[in-house]
Amino acid sequence: MAPVGALRRNMPGRLRGALTRRTAAQSSAEPPLREEASHPVDQFHRWLADATRSGESEPTAMALATSDAQGSPNVRMVLLKQADSRGFVFYTNLGSPKASELAGRPKAALCFYWGRLGRQVRVSGKVEPVTDEEADAYFSKRPRLSQLGAWASKQSKPMRGYYDLEKACASFALRYPVGAVPRPPFWSGYRVVPDRIEFWLQKPFRRHERIVHVLENGEWRQQWLFP
């Protein structure tokens, strides 16, 4: 497979020029990273808002990395449901592999990537369960079909075919035909409490900008990093 640089050199002139102009325009439109005294989650919210306005299809999508009892890593995409100074929240089936891994090793890493903006945010820290009150409040706001799906899905367990899931959904629709659907006792959320948050901004010729915020003795310290 040819290196990307060689592919670029072999492009027709008009295509190569358009790609160069697009990269330059993207770079010039992006403000440089700034060293700020505010909480890094404030910077995250600004970037998330920018990603939403840019037309990213799933701006809250994030890669969640955990590890099993043997230390083997596992990663999957989940959706961010809340972020504040306490941490980053997602919800899942408590019988899932990720929940089992977090029970044994309550630490995780997150990665957000917004290709339209050329921005990335990496988060790592300990993980703690959300309260029942938080989980109930969020579950009550979910679409009804999503609530029924939470009851029906035995997440990551084998099934004979997709019909098994449809049959289970139909069964719980009959069980809860009207009124509020209660939250399943096996469904809740986790909060990644960050001790490290890194912001990455794409720049031409791989001269990217990186600033990492590290929590030390209750205070956030900032540090520039080489790309």
C-alpha atoms as a PDB file:
ATOM      1  CA  MET A   1       0.000   0.000   0.000  1.00  0.00           C
ATOM      2  CA  ALA A   2       1.428   3.380  -0.999  1.00  0.00           C
ATOM      3  CA  PRO A   3       2.161   5.917   1.755  1.00  0.00           C
ATOM      4  CA  VAL A   4      -0.389   8.721   2.096  1.00  0.00           C
ATOM      5  CA  GLY A   5       2.236  11.266   1.101  1.00  0.00           C
ATOM      6  CA  ALA A   6       2.903   9.389  -2.131  1.00  0.00           C
ATOM      7  CA  LEU A   7      -0.814   9.181  -2.853  1.00  0.00           C
ATOM      8  CA  ARG A   8      -1.102  12.928  -2.411  1.00  0.00           C
ATOM      9  CA  ARG A   9       1.838  13.545  -4.779  1.00  0.00           C
ATOM     10  CA  ASN A  10       0.261  11.297  -7.403  1.00  0.00           C
ATOM     11  CA  MET A  11      -3.123  13.027  -7.264  1.00  0.00           C
ATOM     12  CA  PRO A  12      -4.202  15.151 -10.236  1.00  0.00           C
ATOM     13  CA  GLY A  13      -3.189  18.758  -9.707  1.00  0.00           C
ATOM     14  CA  ARG A  14      -6.724  20.080  -9.234  1.00  0.00           C
ATOM     15  CA  LEU A  15      -7.585  17.423  -6.626  1.00  0.00           C
ATOM     16  CA  ARG A  16      -4.311  17.882  -4.772  1.00  0.00           C
ATOM     17  CA  GLY A  17      -4.820  21.643  -4.726  1.00  0.00           C
ATOM     18  CA  ALA A  18      -8.378  21.306  -3.446  1.00  0.00           C
ATOM     19  CA  LEU A  19      -7.244  19.012  -0.648  1.00  0.00           C
ATOM     20  CA  THR A  20      -4.454  21.423   0.319  1.00  0.00           C
ATOM     21  CA  ARG A  21      -6.851  24.385   0.324  1.00  0.00           C
ATOM     22  CA  ARG A  22      -9.363  22.452   2.433  1.00  0.00           C
ATOM     23  CA  THR A  23      -6.700  21.593   5.022  1.00  0.00           C
ATOM     24  CA  ALA A  24      -5.451  25.168   5.110  1.00  0.00           C
ATOM     25  CA  ALA A  25      -8.973  26.569   5.387  1.00  0.00           C
ATOM     26  CA  GLN A  26      -9.821  24.187   8.205  1.00  0.00           C
ATOM     27  CA  SER A  27      -6.659  25.136  10.056  1.00  0.00           C
ATOM     28  CA  SER A  28      -7.099  28.894   9.605  1.00  0.00           C
ATOM     29  CA  ALA A  29     -10.708  28.663  10.788  1.00  0.00           C
ATOM     30  CA  GLU A  30      -9.758  26.946  14.039  1.00  0.00           C
ATOM     31  CA  PRO A  31      -8.678  29.121  16.950  1.00  0.00           C
ATOM     32  CA  PRO A  32      -5.496  27.855  18.585  1.00  0.00           C
ATOM     33  CA  LEU A  33      -5.710  26.034  21.873  1.00  0.00           C
ATOM     34  CA  ARG A  34      -5.513  28.372  24.812  1.00  0.00           C
ATOM     35  CA  GLU A  35      -4.145  27.932  28.290  1.00  0.00           C
ATOM     36  CA  GLU A  36      -7.114  28.665  30.533  1.00  0.00           C
ATOM     37  CA  ALA A  37      -7.665  28.752  34.264  1.00  0.00           C
ATOM     38  CA  SER A  38     -11.228  27.433  33.962  1.00  0.00           C
ATOM     39  CA  HIS A  39     -12.191  23.809  34.519  1.00  0.00           C
ATOM     40  CA  PRO A  40     -11.281  21.708  31.444  1.00  0.00           C
ATOM     41  CA  VAL A  41     -14.899  20.495  31.219  1.00  0.00           C
ATOM     42  CA  ASP A  42     -15.825  24.085  30.321  1.00  0.00           C
ATOM     43  CA  GLN A  43     -13.501  23.834  27.313  1.00  0.00           C
ATOM     44  CA  PHE A  44     -15.049  20.453  26.491  1.00  0.00           C
ATOM     45  CA  HIS A  45     -18.544  21.945  26.424  1.00  0.00           C
ATOM     46  CA  ARG A  46     -17.405  24.686  24.042  1.00  0.00           C
ATOM     47  CA  TRP A  47     -15.948  22.086  21.684  1.00  0.00           C
ATOM     48  CA  LEU A  48     -19.020  19.871  21.971  1.00  0.00           C
ATOM     49  CA  ALA A  49     -21.223  22.833  21.064  1.00  0.00           C
ATOM     50  CA  ASP A  50     -18.980  23.569  18.066  1.00  0.00           C
ATOM     51  CA  ALA A  51     -19.207  19.917  16.974  1.00  0.00           C
ATOM     52  CA  THR A  52     -22.994  20.010  17.220  1.00  0.00           C
ATOM     53  CA  ARG A  53     -23.186  23.177  15.125  1.00  0.00           C
ATOM     54  CA  SER A  54     -20.774  21.735  12.554  1.00  0.00           C
ATOM     55  CA  GLY A  55     -23.218  18.980  11.602  1.00  0.00           C
ATOM     56  CA  GLU A  56     -21.454  15.990  13.166  1.00  0.00           C
ATOM     57  CA  SER A  57     -23.978  13.131  12.983  1.00  0.00           C
ATOM     58  CA  GLU A  58     -23.314  11.952  16.554  1.00  0.00           C
ATOM     59  CA  PRO A  59     -21.348  14.658  18.392  1.00  0.00           C
ATOM     60  CA  THR A  60     -21.820  12.877  21.734  1.00  0.00           C
ATOM     61  CA  ALA A  61     -20.392   9.567  20.452  1.00  0.00           C
ATOM     62  CA  MET A  62     -17.293   8.474  22.351  1.00  0.00           C
ATOM     63  CA  ALA A  63     -15.023   5.461  22.403  1.00  0.00           C
ATOM     64  CA  LEU A  64     -15.068   3.824  25.838  1.00  0.00           C
ATOM     65  CA  ALA A  65     -12.060   1.688  26.768  1.00  0.00           C
ATOM     66  CA  THR A  66     -12.060  -0.737  29.691  1.00  0.00           C
ATOM     67  CA  SER A  67      -9.978  -3.789  30.577  1.00  0.00           C
ATOM     68  CA  ASP A  68     -10.837  -7.284  31.771  1.00  0.00           C
ATOM     69  CA  ALA A  69      -9.409  -9.272  34.686  1.00  0.00           C
ATOM     70  CA  GLN A  70      -6.397 -10.283  32.583  1.00  0.00           C
ATOM     71  CA  GLY A  71      -5.692  -6.686  31.612  1.00  0.00           C
ATOM     72  CA  SER A  72      -6.836  -7.145  28.019  1.00  0.00           C
ATOM     73  CA  PRO A  73      -8.377  -3.915  26.675  1.00  0.00           C
ATOM     74  CA  ASN A  74     -11.832  -3.650  25.149  1.00  0.00           C
ATOM     75  CA  VAL A  75     -13.255  -0.618  23.387  1.00  0.00           C
ATOM     76  CA  ARG A  76     -16.703   0.256  22.050  1.00  0.00           C
ATOM     77  CA  MET A  77     -18.690   3.326  21.082  1.00  0.00           C
ATOM     78  CA  VAL A  78     -21.243   4.716  23.544  1.00  0.00           C
ATOM     79  CA  LEU A  79     -23.104   8.019  23.843  1.00  0.00           C
ATOM     80  CA  LEU A  80     -22.338  10.721  26.385  1.00  0.00           C
ATOM     81  CA  LYS A  81     -25.442  11.654  28.368  1.00  0.00           C
ATOM     82  CA  GLN A  82     -24.095  14.206  30.818  1.00  0.00           C
ATOM     83  CA  ALA A  83     -20.835  16.043  31.484  1.00  0.00           C
ATOM     84  CA  ASP A  84     -20.035  18.416  34.312  1.00  0.00           C
ATOM     85  CA  SER A  85     -17.296  19.015  36.876  1.00  0.00           C
ATOM     86  CA  ARG A  86     -18.137  15.632  38.442  1.00  0.00           C
ATOM     87  CA  GLY A  87     -17.463  13.650  35.273  1.00  0.00           C
ATOM     88  CA  PHE A  88     -18.766  12.116  32.051  1.00  0.00           C
ATOM     89  CA  VAL A  89     -21.878   9.909  32.230  1.00  0.00           C
ATOM     90  CA  PHE A  90     -23.082   7.041  30.032  1.00  0.00           C
ATOM     91  CA  TYR A  91     -25.725   4.347  30.538  1.00  0.00           C
ATOM     92  CA  THR A  92     -25.718   0.616  29.852  1.00  0.00           C
ATOM     93  CA  ASN A  93     -27.022  -2.826  30.748  1.00  0.00           C
ATOM     94  CA  LEU A  94     -25.440  -3.888  34.043  1.00  0.00           C
ATOM     95  CA  GLY A  95     -25.063  -7.427  32.712  1.00  0.00           C
ATOM     96  CA  SER A  96     -22.910  -6.266  29.809  1.00  0.00           C
ATOM     97  CA  PRO A  97     -19.192  -7.030  29.464  1.00  0.00           C
ATOM     98  CA  LYS A  98     -18.308  -3.380  30.039  1.00  0.00           C
ATOM     99  CA  ALA A  99     -20.206  -3.378  33.334  1.00  0.00           C
ATOM    100  CA  SER A 100     -18.490  -6.587  34.411  1.00  0.00           C
ATOM    101  CA  GLU A 101     -15.082  -5.156  33.563  1.00  0.00           C
ATOM    102  CA  LEU A 102     -15.809  -1.904  35.396  1.00  0.00           C
ATOM    103  CA  ALA A 103     -16.861  -3.883  38.469  1.00  0.00           C
ATOM    104  CA  GLY A 104     -13.433  -5.531  38.545  1.00  0.00           C
ATOM    105  CA  ARG A 105     -11.352  -2.591  37.324  1.00  0.00           C
ATOM    106  CA  PRO A 106     -13.230   0.679  37.876  1.00  0.00           C
ATOM    107  CA  LYS A 107     -11.118   2.797  35.544  1.00  0.00           C
ATOM    108  CA  ALA A 108     -11.807   3.820  31.956  1.00  0.00           C
ATOM    109  CA  ALA A 109     -10.695   6.039  29.098  1.00  0.00           C
ATOM    110  CA  LEU A 110     -12.863   7.985  26.663  1.00  0.00           C
ATOM    111  CA  CYS A 111     -12.081   9.483  23.277  1.00  0.00           C
ATOM    112  CA  PHE A 112     -14.181  11.954  21.318  1.00  0.00           C
ATOM    113  CA  TYR A 113     -13.253  12.692  17.702  1.00  0.00           C
ATOM    114  CA  TRP A 114     -14.943  15.330  15.555  1.00  0.00           C
ATOM    115  CA  GLY A 115     -13.595  14.930  12.037  1.00  0.00           C
ATOM    116  CA  ARG A 116     -15.368  17.960  10.612  1.00  0.00           C
ATOM    117  CA  LEU A 117     -13.477  20.183  13.040  1.00  0.00           C
ATOM    118  CA  GLY A 118     -10.241  18.210  13.290  1.00  0.00           C
ATOM    119  CA  ARG A 119     -10.560  18.007  17.056  1.00  0.00           C
ATOM    120  CA  GLN A 120     -10.146  15.240  19.618  1.00  0.00           C
ATOM    121  CA  VAL A 121     -10.651  15.033  23.377  1.00  0.00           C
ATOM    122  CA  ARG A 122      -9.264  12.207  25.502  1.00  0.00           C
ATOM    123  CA  VAL A 123     -10.490  11.592  29.063  1.00  0.00           C
ATOM    124  CA  SER A 124      -9.326   9.063  31.649  1.00  0.00           C
ATOM    125  CA  GLY A 125     -10.043   8.413  35.299  1.00  0.00           C
ATOM    126  CA  LYS A 126     -11.823   6.267  37.838  1.00  0.00           C
ATOM    127  CA  VAL A 127     -15.407   5.129  37.282  1.00  0.00           C
ATOM    128  CA  GLU A 128     -18.305   5.203  39.729  1.00  0.00           C
ATOM    129  CA  PRO A 129     -21.980   4.279  39.361  1.00  0.00           C
ATOM    130  CA  VAL A 130     -24.563   7.045  39.110  1.00  0.00           C
ATOM    131  CA  THR A 131     -27.252   7.172  41.783  1.00  0.00           C
ATOM    132  CA  ASP A 132     -30.594   5.433  41.314  1.00  0.00           C
ATOM    133  CA  GLU A 133     -32.225   8.862  41.269  1.00  0.00           C
ATOM    134  CA  GLU A 134     -30.019   9.982  38.365  1.00  0.00           C
ATOM    135  CA  ALA A 135     -30.667   6.782  36.437  1.00  0.00           C
ATOM    136  CA  ASP A 136     -34.429   7.000  37.022  1.00  0.00           C
ATOM    137  CA  ALA A 137     -34.525  10.621  35.885  1.00  0.00           C
ATOM    138  CA  TYR A 138     -32.646   9.890  32.674  1.00  0.00           C
ATOM    139  CA  PHE A 139     -34.579   6.685  31.900  1.00  0.00           C
ATOM    140  CA  SER A 140     -37.899   8.509  32.261  1.00  0.00           C
ATOM    141  CA  LYS A 141     -36.871  10.880  29.440  1.00  0.00           C
ATOM    142  CA  ARG A 142     -35.959   8.133  26.952  1.00  0.00           C
ATOM    143  CA  PRO A 143     -38.295   7.334  24.028  1.00  0.00           C
ATOM    144  CA  ARG A 144     -40.783   4.626  24.986  1.00  0.00           C
ATOM    145  CA  LEU A 145     -39.397   2.164  22.424  1.00  0.00           C
ATOM    146  CA  SER A 146     -35.917   2.675  23.852  1.00  0.00           C
ATOM    147  CA  GLN A 147     -37.256   1.985  27.334  1.00  0.00           C
ATOM    148  CA  LEU A 148     -38.856  -1.257  26.138  1.00  0.00           C
ATOM    149  CA  GLY A 149     -35.637  -2.157  24.311  1.00  0.00           C
ATOM    150  CA  ALA A 150     -33.708  -1.822  27.572  1.00  0.00           C
ATOM    151  CA  TRP A 151     -35.979  -4.475  29.104  1.00  0.00           C
ATOM    152  CA  ALA A 152     -35.808  -6.733  26.043  1.00  0.00           C
ATOM    153  CA  SER A 153     -32.069  -6.786  25.354  1.00  0.00           C
ATOM    154  CA  LYS A 154     -29.821  -9.279  27.117  1.00  0.00           C
ATOM    155  CA  GLN A 155     -26.846  -7.231  26.008  1.00  0.00           C
ATOM    156  CA  SER A 156     -24.035  -9.199  24.323  1.00  0.00           C
ATOM    157  CA  LYS A 157     -25.681 -12.556  25.052  1.00  0.00           C
ATOM    158  CA  PRO A 158     -26.092 -14.946  22.061  1.00  0.00           C
ATOM    159  CA  MET A 159     -29.423 -15.095  20.231  1.00  0.00           C
ATOM    160  CA  ARG A 160     -30.644 -17.303  17.403  1.00  0.00           C
ATOM    161  CA  GLY A 161     -31.515 -14.386  15.159  1.00  0.00           C
ATOM    162  CA  TYR A 162     -32.859 -10.841  15.117  1.00  0.00           C
ATOM    163  CA  TYR A 163     -36.363 -12.228  15.605  1.00  0.00           C
ATOM    164  CA  ASP A 164     -35.458 -13.063  19.209  1.00  0.00           C
ATOM    165  CA  LEU A 165     -34.994  -9.361  19.950  1.00  0.00           C
ATOM    166  CA  GLU A 166     -38.194  -8.363  18.133  1.00  0.00           C
ATOM    167  CA  LYS A 167     -40.141 -11.041  20.024  1.00  0.00           C
ATOM    168  CA  ALA A 168     -38.774  -9.832  23.360  1.00  0.00           C
ATOM    169  CA  CYS A 169     -39.623  -6.201  22.530  1.00  0.00           C
ATOM    170  CA  ALA A 170     -43.177  -7.228  21.627  1.00  0.00           C
ATOM    171  CA  SER A 171     -43.477  -9.147  24.882  1.00  0.00           C
ATOM    172  CA  PHE A 172     -42.509  -6.134  26.991  1.00  0.00           C
ATOM    173  CA  ALA A 173     -44.757  -3.860  24.934  1.00  0.00           C
ATOM    174  CA  LEU A 174     -47.630  -6.102  26.033  1.00  0.00           C
ATOM    175  CA  ARG A 175     -46.355  -6.067  29.607  1.00  0.00           C
ATOM    176  CA  TYR A 176     -46.294  -2.259  29.659  1.00  0.00           C
ATOM    177  CA  PRO A 177     -49.042  -1.268  27.195  1.00  0.00           C
ATOM    178  CA  VAL A 178     -49.776   2.123  28.768  1.00  0.00           C
ATOM    179  CA  GLY A 179     -48.352   4.370  31.445  1.00  0.00           C
ATOM    180  CA  ALA A 180     -44.762   4.827  32.539  1.00  0.00           C
ATOM    181  CA  VAL A 181     -42.204   2.129  31.827  1.00  0.00           C
ATOM    182  CA  PRO A 182     -40.088   1.528  34.950  1.00  0.00           C
ATOM    183  CA  ARG A 183     -36.323   1.388  34.735  1.00  0.00           C
ATOM    184  CA  PRO A 184     -35.035  -2.197  34.684  1.00  0.00           C
ATOM    185  CA  PRO A 185     -33.044  -3.059  37.815  1.00  0.00           C
ATOM    186  CA  PHE A 186     -30.243  -4.275  35.521  1.00  0.00           C
ATOM    187  CA  TRP A 187     -29.924  -0.957  33.654  1.00  0.00           C
ATOM    188  CA  SER A 188     -28.093   2.100  34.986  1.00  0.00           C
ATOM    189  CA  GLY A 189     -25.214   4.461  34.372  1.00  0.00           C
ATOM    190  CA  TYR A 190     -21.574   5.156  35.149  1.00  0.00           C
ATOM    191  CA  ARG A 191     -19.626   8.351  35.643  1.00  0.00           C
ATOM    192  CA  VAL A 192     -16.018   8.603  34.485  1.00  0.00           C
ATOM    193  CA  VAL A 193     -14.428  10.926  37.046  1.00  0.00           C
ATOM    194  CA  PRO A 194     -11.522  12.475  35.133  1.00  0.00           C
ATOM    195  CA  ASP A 195      -8.022  12.985  36.403  1.00  0.00           C
ATOM    196  CA  ARG A 196      -6.669  13.667  32.906  1.00  0.00           C
ATOM    197  CA  ILE A 197      -8.267  15.490  29.945  1.00  0.00           C
ATOM    198  CA  GLU A 198      -6.363  16.163  26.736  1.00  0.00           C
ATOM    199  CA  PHE A 199      -7.401  18.498  23.911  1.00  0.00           C
ATOM    200  CA  TRP A 200      -5.995  17.902  20.408  1.00  0.00           C
ATOM    201  CA  LEU A 201      -6.371  20.303  17.474  1.00  0.00           C
ATOM    202  CA  GLN A 202      -5.435  19.220  13.948  1.00  0.00           C
ATOM    203  CA  LYS A 203      -2.935  21.449  12.156  1.00  0.00           C
ATOM    204  CA  PRO A 204      -1.224  21.169   8.737  1.00  0.00           C
ATOM    205  CA  PHE A 205       1.840  18.957   8.289  1.00  0.00           C
ATOM    206  CA  ARG A 206       1.109  17.102  11.547  1.00  0.00           C
ATOM    207  CA  ARG A 207       2.074  20.130  13.642  1.00  0.00           C
ATOM    208  CA  HIS A 208      -0.966  19.504  15.824  1.00  0.00           C
ATOM    209  CA  GLU A 209      -1.688  21.394  19.040  1.00  0.00           C
ATOM    210  CA  ARG A 210      -2.075  19.417  22.276  1.00  0.00           C
ATOM    211  CA  ILE A 211      -2.734  20.570  25.818  1.00  0.00           C
ATOM    212  CA  VAL A 212      -3.290  18.089  28.642  1.00  0.00           C
ATOM    213  CA  HIS A 213      -4.988  18.954  31.933  1.00  0.00           C
ATOM    214  CA  VAL A 214      -3.922  16.750  34.861  1.00  0.00           C
ATOM    215  CA  LEU A 215      -5.611  16.777  38.261  1.00  0.00           C
ATOM    216  CA  GLU A 216      -3.037  17.009  41.053  1.00  0.00           C
ATOM    217  CA  ASN A 217      -3.917  17.578  44.718  1.00  0.00           C
ATOM    218  CA  GLY A 218      -7.355  18.837  43.752  1.00  0.00           C
ATOM    219  CA  GLU A 219      -6.039  21.365  41.218  1.00  0.00           C
ATOM    220  CA  TRP A 220      -5.942  21.135  37.425  1.00  0.00           C
ATOM    221  CA  ARG A 221      -2.475  21.619  35.925  1.00  0.00           C
ATOM    222  CA  GLN A 222      -1.971  22.324  32.214  1.00  0.00           C
ATOM    223  CA  GLN A 223       0.871  21.151  30.024  1.00  0.00           C
ATOM    224  CA  TRP A 224       1.625  21.512  26.306  1.00  0.00           C
ATOM    225  CA  LEU A 225       2.608  18.264  24.570  1.00  0.00           C
ATOM    226  CA  PHE A 226       4.531  17.569  21.399  1.00  0.00           C
ATOM    227  CA  PRO A 227       2.220  16.140  18.692  1.00  0.00           C
END
